[in-house]
N, C-alpha and C. Protein backbone atom coordinates (compact mmCIF):
# COMPACT_ATOMS: atom_id res chain seq x y z
N UNK A 1 39.16 112.74 28.17
CA UNK A 1 39.49 112.68 29.59
C UNK A 1 39.39 114.05 30.23
N UNK A 2 40.01 115.04 29.58
CA UNK A 2 39.96 116.39 30.13
C UNK A 2 38.53 116.89 30.21
N UNK A 3 37.77 116.72 29.10
CA UNK A 3 36.41 117.23 29.07
C UNK A 3 35.57 116.63 30.19
N UNK A 4 35.79 115.33 30.46
CA UNK A 4 35.04 114.69 31.53
C UNK A 4 35.40 115.28 32.87
N UNK A 5 36.73 115.44 33.11
CA UNK A 5 37.18 115.98 34.39
C UNK A 5 36.75 117.42 34.56
N UNK A 6 36.84 118.21 33.50
CA UNK A 6 36.45 119.61 33.60
C UNK A 6 34.95 119.74 33.77
N UNK A 7 34.21 118.85 33.11
CA UNK A 7 32.75 118.89 33.26
C UNK A 7 32.36 118.60 34.69
N UNK A 8 33.07 117.65 35.33
CA UNK A 8 32.81 117.34 36.74
C UNK A 8 33.10 118.56 37.60
N UNK A 9 34.23 119.22 37.32
CA UNK A 9 34.59 120.42 38.08
C UNK A 9 33.54 121.50 37.92
N UNK A 10 33.06 121.67 36.69
CA UNK A 10 32.05 122.69 36.43
C UNK A 10 30.77 122.37 37.16
N UNK A 11 30.39 121.07 37.18
CA UNK A 11 29.17 120.65 37.86
C UNK A 11 29.28 120.90 39.36
N UNK A 12 30.43 120.55 39.94
CA UNK A 12 30.63 120.76 41.37
C UNK A 12 30.52 122.23 41.73
N UNK A 13 31.17 123.09 40.93
CA UNK A 13 31.12 124.53 41.22
C UNK A 13 29.70 125.05 41.08
N UNK A 14 28.95 124.48 40.13
CA UNK A 14 27.56 124.89 39.96
C UNK A 14 26.72 124.50 41.16
N UNK A 15 26.99 123.30 41.70
CA UNK A 15 26.27 122.86 42.89
C UNK A 15 26.58 123.75 44.07
N UNK A 16 27.88 124.13 44.20
CA UNK A 16 28.25 125.03 45.29
C UNK A 16 27.52 126.35 45.18
N UNK A 17 27.44 126.87 43.94
CA UNK A 17 26.74 128.13 43.73
C UNK A 17 25.27 127.98 44.07
N UNK A 18 24.71 126.79 43.73
CA UNK A 18 23.30 126.55 44.02
C UNK A 18 23.03 126.51 45.50
N UNK A 19 23.95 125.89 46.26
CA UNK A 19 23.79 125.85 47.70
C UNK A 19 23.77 127.24 48.28
N UNK A 20 24.66 128.12 47.79
CA UNK A 20 24.69 129.51 48.24
C UNK A 20 23.39 130.21 47.92
N UNK A 21 22.89 129.98 46.68
CA UNK A 21 21.68 130.66 46.24
C UNK A 21 20.47 130.20 47.02
N UNK A 22 20.48 128.90 47.47
CA UNK A 22 19.30 128.35 48.14
C UNK A 22 19.35 128.55 49.64
N UNK A 23 20.37 129.15 50.15
CA UNK A 23 20.51 129.36 51.58
C UNK A 23 19.65 130.52 52.05
N UNK A 24 20.04 131.08 53.18
CA UNK A 24 19.30 132.21 53.72
C UNK A 24 19.33 133.37 52.74
N UNK A 25 18.26 134.18 52.69
CA UNK A 25 18.22 135.31 51.76
C UNK A 25 19.40 136.23 51.96
N UNK A 26 20.05 136.56 50.85
CA UNK A 26 21.22 137.44 50.92
C UNK A 26 20.80 138.86 51.27
N UNK A 27 21.54 139.47 52.19
CA UNK A 27 21.30 140.86 52.52
C UNK A 27 22.23 141.72 51.69
N UNK A 28 21.68 142.75 51.07
CA UNK A 28 22.48 143.64 50.24
C UNK A 28 23.52 144.36 51.08
N UNK A 29 24.78 144.28 50.68
CA UNK A 29 25.85 144.96 51.42
C UNK A 29 25.67 146.46 51.30
N UNK A 30 26.11 147.20 52.31
CA UNK A 30 26.03 148.66 52.21
C UNK A 30 26.74 149.15 50.96
N UNK A 31 26.17 150.16 50.34
CA UNK A 31 26.69 150.63 49.05
C UNK A 31 28.15 151.03 49.15
N UNK A 32 28.53 151.67 50.22
CA UNK A 32 29.92 152.13 50.32
C UNK A 32 30.88 150.95 50.39
N UNK A 33 30.47 149.84 50.98
CA UNK A 33 31.34 148.67 51.03
C UNK A 33 31.48 148.05 49.65
N UNK A 34 30.37 148.04 48.88
CA UNK A 34 30.43 147.50 47.52
C UNK A 34 31.35 148.35 46.67
N UNK A 35 31.23 149.68 46.82
CA UNK A 35 32.08 150.56 46.03
C UNK A 35 33.55 150.41 46.42
N UNK A 36 33.81 150.19 47.69
CA UNK A 36 35.20 150.02 48.13
C UNK A 36 35.78 148.73 47.54
N UNK A 37 34.98 147.69 47.50
CA UNK A 37 35.44 146.43 46.91
C UNK A 37 35.74 146.62 45.43
N UNK A 38 34.83 147.32 44.73
CA UNK A 38 35.03 147.57 43.30
C UNK A 38 36.30 148.39 43.07
N UNK A 39 36.48 149.42 43.90
CA UNK A 39 37.66 150.28 43.76
C UNK A 39 38.93 149.49 44.05
N UNK A 40 38.89 148.69 45.09
CA UNK A 40 40.07 147.95 45.50
C UNK A 40 40.53 146.98 44.43
N UNK A 41 39.59 146.27 43.83
CA UNK A 41 39.96 145.23 42.87
C UNK A 41 40.05 145.74 41.45
N UNK A 42 39.54 146.94 41.17
CA UNK A 42 39.67 147.51 39.84
C UNK A 42 39.09 146.60 38.77
N UNK A 43 37.93 146.01 39.04
CA UNK A 43 37.38 144.98 38.17
C UNK A 43 35.87 145.17 38.07
N UNK A 44 35.29 144.89 36.92
CA UNK A 44 33.89 145.19 36.71
C UNK A 44 32.92 144.05 36.88
N UNK A 45 33.37 142.78 36.84
CA UNK A 45 32.45 141.65 36.87
C UNK A 45 32.27 141.19 38.31
N UNK A 46 31.43 141.91 39.06
CA UNK A 46 31.34 141.68 40.50
C UNK A 46 30.10 140.90 40.89
N UNK A 47 30.30 140.05 41.87
CA UNK A 47 29.17 139.37 42.48
C UNK A 47 28.77 140.11 43.74
N UNK A 48 28.06 139.38 44.65
CA UNK A 48 27.59 140.00 45.88
C UNK A 48 28.25 139.34 47.09
N UNK A 49 28.13 140.01 48.21
CA UNK A 49 28.54 139.48 49.50
C UNK A 49 29.99 139.00 49.48
N UNK A 50 30.89 139.88 49.06
CA UNK A 50 32.30 139.55 49.11
C UNK A 50 32.77 138.65 48.00
N UNK A 51 31.94 138.47 46.97
CA UNK A 51 32.35 137.63 45.84
C UNK A 51 32.71 138.52 44.66
N UNK A 52 33.77 138.15 43.96
CA UNK A 52 34.14 138.83 42.73
C UNK A 52 34.12 137.77 41.64
N UNK A 53 33.17 137.92 40.72
CA UNK A 53 32.91 136.86 39.76
C UNK A 53 33.98 136.69 38.71
N UNK A 54 33.85 135.60 37.98
CA UNK A 54 34.76 135.25 36.89
C UNK A 54 33.93 135.15 35.62
N UNK A 55 34.30 135.91 34.60
CA UNK A 55 33.59 135.87 33.32
C UNK A 55 34.14 134.72 32.49
N UNK A 56 33.40 133.61 32.33
CA UNK A 56 33.95 132.45 31.63
C UNK A 56 34.19 132.70 30.15
N UNK A 57 33.48 133.64 29.55
CA UNK A 57 33.60 133.86 28.10
C UNK A 57 35.00 134.28 27.70
N UNK A 58 35.72 134.93 28.59
CA UNK A 58 37.05 135.44 28.27
C UNK A 58 38.17 134.60 28.86
N UNK A 59 37.84 133.37 29.27
CA UNK A 59 38.84 132.52 29.92
C UNK A 59 40.08 132.30 29.08
N UNK A 60 39.89 131.98 27.80
CA UNK A 60 41.04 131.70 26.93
C UNK A 60 41.92 132.94 26.77
N UNK A 61 41.30 134.10 26.60
CA UNK A 61 42.06 135.34 26.43
C UNK A 61 42.86 135.67 27.69
N UNK A 62 42.26 135.41 28.86
CA UNK A 62 42.97 135.71 30.10
C UNK A 62 44.16 134.78 30.32
N UNK A 63 43.99 133.51 29.93
CA UNK A 63 45.11 132.58 30.04
C UNK A 63 46.28 133.06 29.18
N UNK A 64 45.97 133.48 27.96
CA UNK A 64 47.01 133.96 27.05
C UNK A 64 47.63 135.25 27.58
N UNK A 65 46.80 136.13 28.18
CA UNK A 65 47.32 137.38 28.74
C UNK A 65 48.29 137.11 29.88
N UNK A 66 48.11 135.97 30.55
CA UNK A 66 49.02 135.59 31.64
C UNK A 66 50.31 134.96 31.12
N UNK A 67 50.41 134.81 29.79
CA UNK A 67 51.60 134.21 29.21
C UNK A 67 51.63 132.70 29.32
N UNK A 68 50.45 132.09 29.46
CA UNK A 68 50.36 130.64 29.64
C UNK A 68 49.66 129.99 28.45
N UNK A 69 49.90 128.70 28.29
CA UNK A 69 49.28 127.94 27.21
C UNK A 69 47.97 127.32 27.66
N UNK A 70 47.06 127.13 26.72
CA UNK A 70 45.83 126.38 26.98
C UNK A 70 46.12 124.92 26.68
N UNK A 71 45.99 124.08 27.69
CA UNK A 71 46.31 122.67 27.58
C UNK A 71 45.05 121.84 27.38
N UNK A 72 45.23 120.63 26.84
CA UNK A 72 44.11 119.71 26.69
C UNK A 72 44.02 118.75 27.87
N UNK A 73 44.99 118.80 28.75
CA UNK A 73 45.00 117.98 29.96
C UNK A 73 45.94 118.62 30.97
N UNK A 74 45.69 118.36 32.25
CA UNK A 74 46.58 118.87 33.28
C UNK A 74 47.96 118.23 33.13
N UNK A 75 49.01 119.02 33.31
CA UNK A 75 50.36 118.51 33.18
C UNK A 75 50.75 117.62 34.34
N UNK A 76 51.74 116.79 34.12
CA UNK A 76 52.19 115.86 35.16
C UNK A 76 53.68 116.01 35.49
N UNK A 77 54.40 116.84 34.77
CA UNK A 77 55.83 117.00 35.03
C UNK A 77 56.09 117.79 36.31
N UNK A 78 55.18 118.67 36.67
CA UNK A 78 55.28 119.50 37.88
C UNK A 78 53.90 119.57 38.49
N UNK A 79 53.80 119.24 39.78
CA UNK A 79 52.48 119.22 40.42
C UNK A 79 52.61 119.62 41.89
N UNK A 80 52.11 120.81 42.22
CA UNK A 80 52.10 121.26 43.60
C UNK A 80 50.98 122.28 43.78
N UNK A 81 50.81 122.76 45.00
CA UNK A 81 49.68 123.65 45.31
C UNK A 81 50.12 124.77 46.25
N UNK A 82 49.50 125.92 46.09
CA UNK A 82 49.64 127.04 47.01
C UNK A 82 48.23 127.48 47.41
N UNK A 83 48.13 128.38 48.37
CA UNK A 83 46.81 128.85 48.80
C UNK A 83 46.79 130.37 48.83
N UNK A 84 45.69 130.94 48.35
CA UNK A 84 45.53 132.40 48.27
C UNK A 84 44.35 132.87 49.09
N UNK A 85 44.60 133.82 49.98
CA UNK A 85 43.54 134.55 50.69
C UNK A 85 43.55 135.98 50.18
N UNK A 86 42.38 136.50 49.81
CA UNK A 86 42.24 137.90 49.40
C UNK A 86 41.36 138.59 50.43
N UNK A 87 41.86 139.68 51.02
CA UNK A 87 41.15 140.37 52.09
C UNK A 87 41.04 141.85 51.78
N UNK A 88 39.84 142.41 51.97
CA UNK A 88 39.62 143.84 51.86
C UNK A 88 39.12 144.32 53.21
N UNK A 89 39.92 145.16 53.87
CA UNK A 89 39.62 145.61 55.23
C UNK A 89 39.39 144.42 56.16
N UNK A 90 40.18 143.38 55.96
CA UNK A 90 40.11 142.20 56.81
C UNK A 90 39.02 141.22 56.47
N UNK A 91 38.16 141.56 55.51
CA UNK A 91 37.05 140.69 55.11
C UNK A 91 37.44 139.87 53.88
N UNK A 92 37.11 138.60 53.91
CA UNK A 92 37.51 137.70 52.83
C UNK A 92 36.74 137.97 51.54
N UNK A 93 37.46 137.94 50.43
CA UNK A 93 36.88 137.98 49.09
C UNK A 93 37.05 136.58 48.51
N UNK A 94 35.98 135.99 48.04
CA UNK A 94 36.03 134.63 47.53
C UNK A 94 36.86 134.55 46.26
N UNK A 95 37.84 133.67 46.26
CA UNK A 95 38.61 133.37 45.04
C UNK A 95 37.77 132.40 44.22
N UNK A 96 37.39 132.76 43.00
CA UNK A 96 36.44 131.93 42.26
C UNK A 96 37.01 130.60 41.79
N UNK A 97 36.12 129.65 41.59
CA UNK A 97 36.48 128.39 40.96
C UNK A 97 36.75 128.62 39.48
N UNK A 98 37.55 127.74 38.90
CA UNK A 98 37.80 127.68 37.46
C UNK A 98 38.57 128.87 36.90
N UNK A 99 39.36 129.52 37.73
CA UNK A 99 40.39 130.41 37.20
C UNK A 99 41.34 129.55 36.37
N UNK A 100 41.70 130.01 35.19
CA UNK A 100 42.62 129.24 34.35
C UNK A 100 41.95 128.20 33.49
N UNK A 101 40.61 128.28 33.36
CA UNK A 101 39.87 127.40 32.47
C UNK A 101 39.44 128.18 31.23
N UNK A 102 39.35 127.51 30.10
CA UNK A 102 38.72 128.08 28.91
C UNK A 102 37.42 127.32 28.65
N UNK A 103 36.49 128.00 27.99
CA UNK A 103 35.16 127.43 27.78
C UNK A 103 34.74 127.56 26.33
N UNK A 104 33.94 126.60 25.87
CA UNK A 104 33.40 126.65 24.53
C UNK A 104 32.12 127.45 24.47
N UNK A 105 31.55 127.56 23.27
CA UNK A 105 30.31 128.32 23.09
C UNK A 105 29.16 127.73 23.87
N UNK A 106 29.24 126.43 24.18
CA UNK A 106 28.19 125.76 24.94
C UNK A 106 28.34 125.95 26.44
N UNK A 107 29.37 126.70 26.84
CA UNK A 107 29.58 126.95 28.26
C UNK A 107 30.35 125.86 28.98
N UNK A 108 30.72 124.80 28.27
CA UNK A 108 31.45 123.70 28.89
C UNK A 108 32.96 123.96 28.79
N UNK A 109 33.71 123.58 29.82
CA UNK A 109 35.16 123.78 29.77
C UNK A 109 35.79 122.95 28.67
N UNK A 110 36.72 123.55 27.95
CA UNK A 110 37.39 122.83 26.85
C UNK A 110 38.91 122.96 26.90
N UNK A 111 39.43 123.55 27.96
CA UNK A 111 40.88 123.69 28.10
C UNK A 111 41.23 124.18 29.49
N UNK A 112 42.50 124.08 29.82
CA UNK A 112 42.95 124.44 31.16
C UNK A 112 44.41 124.88 31.07
N UNK A 113 44.81 125.78 31.95
CA UNK A 113 46.22 126.18 31.99
C UNK A 113 46.93 125.41 33.11
N UNK A 114 48.24 125.52 33.13
CA UNK A 114 49.01 124.85 34.19
C UNK A 114 48.71 125.44 35.56
N UNK A 115 48.18 126.66 35.60
CA UNK A 115 47.92 127.41 36.83
C UNK A 115 46.42 127.65 36.92
N UNK A 116 45.74 127.03 37.90
CA UNK A 116 44.28 127.10 37.89
C UNK A 116 43.69 126.81 39.27
N UNK A 117 42.38 127.06 39.39
CA UNK A 117 41.62 126.67 40.58
C UNK A 117 40.51 125.74 40.16
N UNK A 118 40.14 124.84 41.07
CA UNK A 118 39.02 123.94 40.80
C UNK A 118 37.78 124.34 41.59
N UNK A 119 37.97 125.04 42.71
CA UNK A 119 36.85 125.37 43.59
C UNK A 119 37.10 126.74 44.22
N UNK A 120 36.31 127.07 45.23
CA UNK A 120 36.40 128.39 45.85
C UNK A 120 37.18 128.37 47.17
N UNK A 121 37.99 127.35 47.39
CA UNK A 121 38.76 127.28 48.63
C UNK A 121 39.97 128.20 48.63
N UNK A 122 40.37 128.70 47.45
CA UNK A 122 41.58 129.50 47.36
C UNK A 122 42.82 128.68 47.05
N UNK A 123 42.66 127.36 46.91
CA UNK A 123 43.80 126.51 46.56
C UNK A 123 44.15 126.72 45.09
N UNK A 124 45.40 127.08 44.84
CA UNK A 124 45.92 127.27 43.49
C UNK A 124 46.65 126.00 43.08
N UNK A 125 46.23 125.42 41.97
CA UNK A 125 46.85 124.19 41.47
C UNK A 125 47.88 124.54 40.40
N UNK A 126 49.06 124.00 40.54
CA UNK A 126 50.09 124.09 39.50
C UNK A 126 50.31 122.67 38.99
N UNK A 127 49.83 122.40 37.79
CA UNK A 127 49.95 121.08 37.17
C UNK A 127 50.47 121.31 35.75
N UNK A 128 51.80 121.27 35.64
CA UNK A 128 52.46 121.74 34.42
C UNK A 128 53.06 120.60 33.61
N UNK A 129 53.08 120.75 32.29
CA UNK A 129 53.69 119.73 31.43
C UNK A 129 55.21 119.84 31.36
N UNK A 130 55.75 120.94 31.88
CA UNK A 130 57.20 121.17 31.88
C UNK A 130 57.66 121.51 33.29
N UNK A 131 58.67 120.83 33.77
CA UNK A 131 59.16 121.07 35.12
C UNK A 131 60.11 122.26 35.16
N UNK A 132 60.17 122.91 36.33
CA UNK A 132 61.17 123.95 36.56
C UNK A 132 60.75 125.35 36.22
N UNK A 133 59.53 125.56 35.72
CA UNK A 133 59.07 126.91 35.40
C UNK A 133 58.53 127.59 36.65
N UNK A 134 58.58 128.93 36.66
CA UNK A 134 58.05 129.70 37.78
C UNK A 134 56.64 130.21 37.45
N UNK A 135 55.78 130.20 38.46
CA UNK A 135 54.42 130.72 38.31
C UNK A 135 54.20 131.77 39.39
N UNK A 136 53.56 132.87 39.01
CA UNK A 136 53.48 134.02 39.90
C UNK A 136 52.05 134.39 40.26
N UNK A 137 51.94 135.19 41.33
CA UNK A 137 50.65 135.73 41.72
C UNK A 137 50.09 136.61 40.61
N UNK A 138 50.96 137.34 39.91
CA UNK A 138 50.50 138.17 38.80
C UNK A 138 49.80 137.37 37.73
N UNK A 139 50.27 136.15 37.45
CA UNK A 139 49.61 135.31 36.46
C UNK A 139 48.24 134.86 36.93
N UNK A 140 48.12 134.57 38.21
CA UNK A 140 46.80 134.23 38.76
C UNK A 140 45.84 135.39 38.58
N UNK A 141 46.31 136.61 38.87
CA UNK A 141 45.46 137.79 38.75
C UNK A 141 45.08 138.06 37.30
N UNK A 142 46.00 137.78 36.37
CA UNK A 142 45.67 137.94 34.95
C UNK A 142 44.60 136.96 34.53
N UNK A 143 44.72 135.72 34.99
CA UNK A 143 43.71 134.71 34.65
C UNK A 143 42.36 135.02 35.30
N UNK A 144 42.40 135.63 36.48
CA UNK A 144 41.18 136.04 37.16
C UNK A 144 40.63 137.31 36.52
N UNK A 145 41.54 138.21 36.11
CA UNK A 145 41.13 139.46 35.49
C UNK A 145 40.98 140.61 36.46
N UNK A 146 41.76 140.60 37.55
CA UNK A 146 41.67 141.66 38.56
C UNK A 146 43.03 142.30 38.78
N UNK A 147 43.00 143.46 39.46
CA UNK A 147 44.20 144.20 39.81
C UNK A 147 45.08 144.44 38.61
N UNK A 148 46.34 143.95 38.66
CA UNK A 148 47.23 144.20 37.54
C UNK A 148 47.06 143.17 36.43
N UNK A 149 46.07 142.27 36.60
CA UNK A 149 45.76 141.33 35.53
C UNK A 149 45.32 142.09 34.28
N UNK A 150 45.67 141.58 33.12
CA UNK A 150 45.37 142.26 31.87
C UNK A 150 44.27 141.55 31.10
N UNK A 151 43.52 142.35 30.30
CA UNK A 151 42.47 141.76 29.48
C UNK A 151 43.05 141.34 28.13
N UNK A 152 42.17 140.94 27.22
CA UNK A 152 42.63 140.41 25.93
C UNK A 152 43.41 141.43 25.12
N UNK A 153 43.18 142.72 25.35
CA UNK A 153 43.89 143.76 24.59
C UNK A 153 45.23 144.11 25.22
N UNK A 154 45.50 143.55 26.40
CA UNK A 154 46.74 143.86 27.10
C UNK A 154 46.62 145.05 28.02
N UNK A 155 45.42 145.67 28.09
CA UNK A 155 45.22 146.82 28.96
C UNK A 155 44.98 146.35 30.40
N UNK A 156 45.65 146.95 31.38
CA UNK A 156 45.46 146.53 32.76
C UNK A 156 44.08 146.93 33.28
N UNK A 157 43.50 146.07 34.13
CA UNK A 157 42.21 146.38 34.74
C UNK A 157 42.35 147.41 35.85
N UNK A 158 43.45 147.41 36.55
CA UNK A 158 43.63 148.33 37.65
C UNK A 158 45.01 148.14 38.24
N UNK A 159 45.38 148.99 39.18
CA UNK A 159 46.70 148.90 39.77
C UNK A 159 46.68 148.16 41.08
N UNK A 160 47.86 147.96 41.63
CA UNK A 160 47.97 147.26 42.90
C UNK A 160 48.34 148.21 44.04
N UNK A 161 48.21 149.52 43.81
CA UNK A 161 48.47 150.48 44.86
C UNK A 161 47.54 150.25 46.05
N UNK A 162 48.10 150.27 47.25
CA UNK A 162 47.30 150.05 48.44
C UNK A 162 47.21 148.59 48.85
N UNK A 163 47.70 147.69 48.00
CA UNK A 163 47.67 146.26 48.31
C UNK A 163 49.00 145.83 48.93
N UNK A 164 48.91 144.88 49.84
CA UNK A 164 50.08 144.30 50.50
C UNK A 164 50.02 142.79 50.36
N UNK A 165 51.18 142.18 50.12
CA UNK A 165 51.27 140.72 50.03
C UNK A 165 52.05 140.19 51.22
N UNK A 166 51.49 139.15 51.84
CA UNK A 166 52.19 138.41 52.89
C UNK A 166 52.41 136.99 52.37
N UNK A 167 53.60 136.48 52.55
CA UNK A 167 53.94 135.13 52.13
C UNK A 167 54.32 134.33 53.36
N UNK A 168 53.48 133.35 53.69
CA UNK A 168 53.68 132.54 54.89
C UNK A 168 53.82 133.41 56.13
N UNK A 169 53.00 134.49 56.16
CA UNK A 169 52.95 135.38 57.31
C UNK A 169 53.92 136.53 57.29
N UNK A 170 54.80 136.58 56.28
CA UNK A 170 55.84 137.62 56.21
C UNK A 170 55.49 138.62 55.12
N UNK A 171 55.47 139.91 55.49
CA UNK A 171 55.18 140.96 54.53
C UNK A 171 56.25 141.01 53.45
N UNK A 172 55.81 141.13 52.19
CA UNK A 172 56.74 141.12 51.06
C UNK A 172 56.98 142.53 50.53
N UNK A 173 58.22 142.79 50.12
CA UNK A 173 58.55 144.08 49.53
C UNK A 173 58.50 144.04 48.01
N UNK A 174 58.50 142.85 47.44
CA UNK A 174 58.45 142.70 45.98
C UNK A 174 57.08 143.14 45.45
N UNK A 175 57.01 143.60 44.20
CA UNK A 175 55.72 143.94 43.60
C UNK A 175 54.76 142.75 43.66
N UNK A 176 53.48 143.06 43.81
CA UNK A 176 52.46 142.02 43.92
C UNK A 176 52.59 140.99 42.80
N UNK A 177 52.74 141.47 41.57
CA UNK A 177 52.72 140.57 40.42
C UNK A 177 53.94 139.66 40.35
N UNK A 178 55.01 140.00 41.09
CA UNK A 178 56.26 139.24 41.00
C UNK A 178 56.37 138.12 42.03
N UNK A 179 55.42 138.02 42.94
CA UNK A 179 55.51 137.01 43.99
C UNK A 179 55.39 135.62 43.36
N UNK A 180 56.41 134.80 43.57
CA UNK A 180 56.47 133.45 42.98
C UNK A 180 55.75 132.47 43.91
N UNK A 181 54.93 131.61 43.32
CA UNK A 181 54.19 130.61 44.08
C UNK A 181 55.02 129.33 44.21
N UNK A 182 55.13 128.84 45.44
CA UNK A 182 55.85 127.59 45.70
C UNK A 182 54.94 126.63 46.46
N UNK A 183 55.38 125.40 46.54
CA UNK A 183 54.56 124.35 47.15
C UNK A 183 54.17 124.71 48.58
N UNK A 184 52.86 124.66 48.84
CA UNK A 184 52.25 124.87 50.15
C UNK A 184 52.47 126.28 50.70
N UNK A 185 52.74 127.24 49.83
CA UNK A 185 52.78 128.64 50.26
C UNK A 185 51.39 129.10 50.67
N UNK A 186 51.35 129.93 51.70
CA UNK A 186 50.13 130.65 52.07
C UNK A 186 50.33 132.10 51.67
N UNK A 187 49.58 132.55 50.67
CA UNK A 187 49.70 133.90 50.12
C UNK A 187 48.49 134.71 50.56
N UNK A 188 48.73 135.85 51.18
CA UNK A 188 47.65 136.75 51.59
C UNK A 188 47.80 138.05 50.82
N UNK A 189 46.74 138.43 50.13
CA UNK A 189 46.69 139.68 49.37
C UNK A 189 45.69 140.58 50.09
N UNK A 190 46.19 141.66 50.69
CA UNK A 190 45.38 142.47 51.59
C UNK A 190 45.29 143.92 51.13
N UNK A 191 44.08 144.49 51.27
CA UNK A 191 43.85 145.90 50.95
C UNK A 191 43.19 146.57 52.14
N UNK A 192 43.62 147.80 52.46
CA UNK A 192 43.00 148.53 53.55
C UNK A 192 43.51 148.07 54.90
N UNK A 193 42.61 147.92 55.85
CA UNK A 193 43.00 147.52 57.20
C UNK A 193 43.73 146.19 57.18
N UNK A 194 44.85 146.13 57.86
CA UNK A 194 45.66 144.90 57.86
C UNK A 194 44.95 143.80 58.64
N UNK A 195 45.04 142.56 58.17
CA UNK A 195 44.44 141.45 58.91
C UNK A 195 45.19 141.21 60.21
N UNK A 196 44.46 140.78 61.23
CA UNK A 196 45.09 140.47 62.51
C UNK A 196 44.41 139.24 63.12
N UNK A 197 45.13 138.15 63.24
CA UNK A 197 46.51 137.95 62.79
C UNK A 197 46.57 137.70 61.28
N UNK A 198 47.75 137.82 60.71
CA UNK A 198 47.95 137.51 59.30
C UNK A 198 48.03 136.00 59.14
N UNK A 199 47.18 135.40 58.30
CA UNK A 199 47.30 133.95 58.08
C UNK A 199 48.70 133.59 57.60
N UNK A 200 49.31 132.59 58.22
CA UNK A 200 50.68 132.21 57.89
C UNK A 200 50.81 130.80 57.33
N UNK A 201 49.71 130.05 57.35
CA UNK A 201 49.74 128.69 56.82
C UNK A 201 48.33 128.29 56.44
N UNK A 202 48.23 127.20 55.69
CA UNK A 202 46.92 126.68 55.28
C UNK A 202 46.94 125.17 55.46
N UNK A 203 45.84 124.65 55.96
CA UNK A 203 45.73 123.21 56.19
C UNK A 203 45.27 122.53 54.90
N UNK A 204 46.23 122.17 54.07
CA UNK A 204 45.91 121.53 52.80
C UNK A 204 45.32 120.15 53.04
N UNK A 205 44.28 119.79 52.28
CA UNK A 205 43.73 118.44 52.40
C UNK A 205 44.78 117.38 52.06
N UNK A 206 44.59 116.20 52.56
CA UNK A 206 45.50 115.10 52.27
C UNK A 206 45.61 114.89 50.77
N UNK A 207 46.81 114.72 50.29
CA UNK A 207 47.02 114.49 48.87
C UNK A 207 47.36 115.73 48.08
N UNK A 208 47.19 116.92 48.70
CA UNK A 208 47.52 118.17 48.00
C UNK A 208 48.87 118.70 48.50
């Protein structure tokens, strides 16, 4: 059941990537903007045009680095969603699909964590087998492998200096990694120029 559902998710994300690739020719971003994005996110696996890629080969290690288990099916004891916007100088950075997935040698998904994404909308899914646990922005970043997220060795990719978190439009004083995700939260992670206005809510699709 999981393999079928994950395979569908993988296929959908592949189609989305294909649509992007088949669209208008991509214009190379100015070098200084690319370098600023790399510096801001402290991460090496970068895409183009405001995208920061996800290395599927290390999915299992990143899930473990986040302190989460690799599941064979999405949990049903706790099920809710939050939304994440990542902005660098007010420009959106795409949150990748399949954060929180593990993959086999054949490239097909073979596991999932309670905290994950299915697409590039920025919707964070919490589907846990145990109710009452807290899930944080820091765990999302660990599974993604950016900022204070850690790699398989436990070494941090980069710091969160210069980053600001807004929760439902309100600036947070807590460390980035400590922000707890709750149902229908709108989380904005911003670097550089502050967004104006700050997104304070997200129009979740029916059923989420």
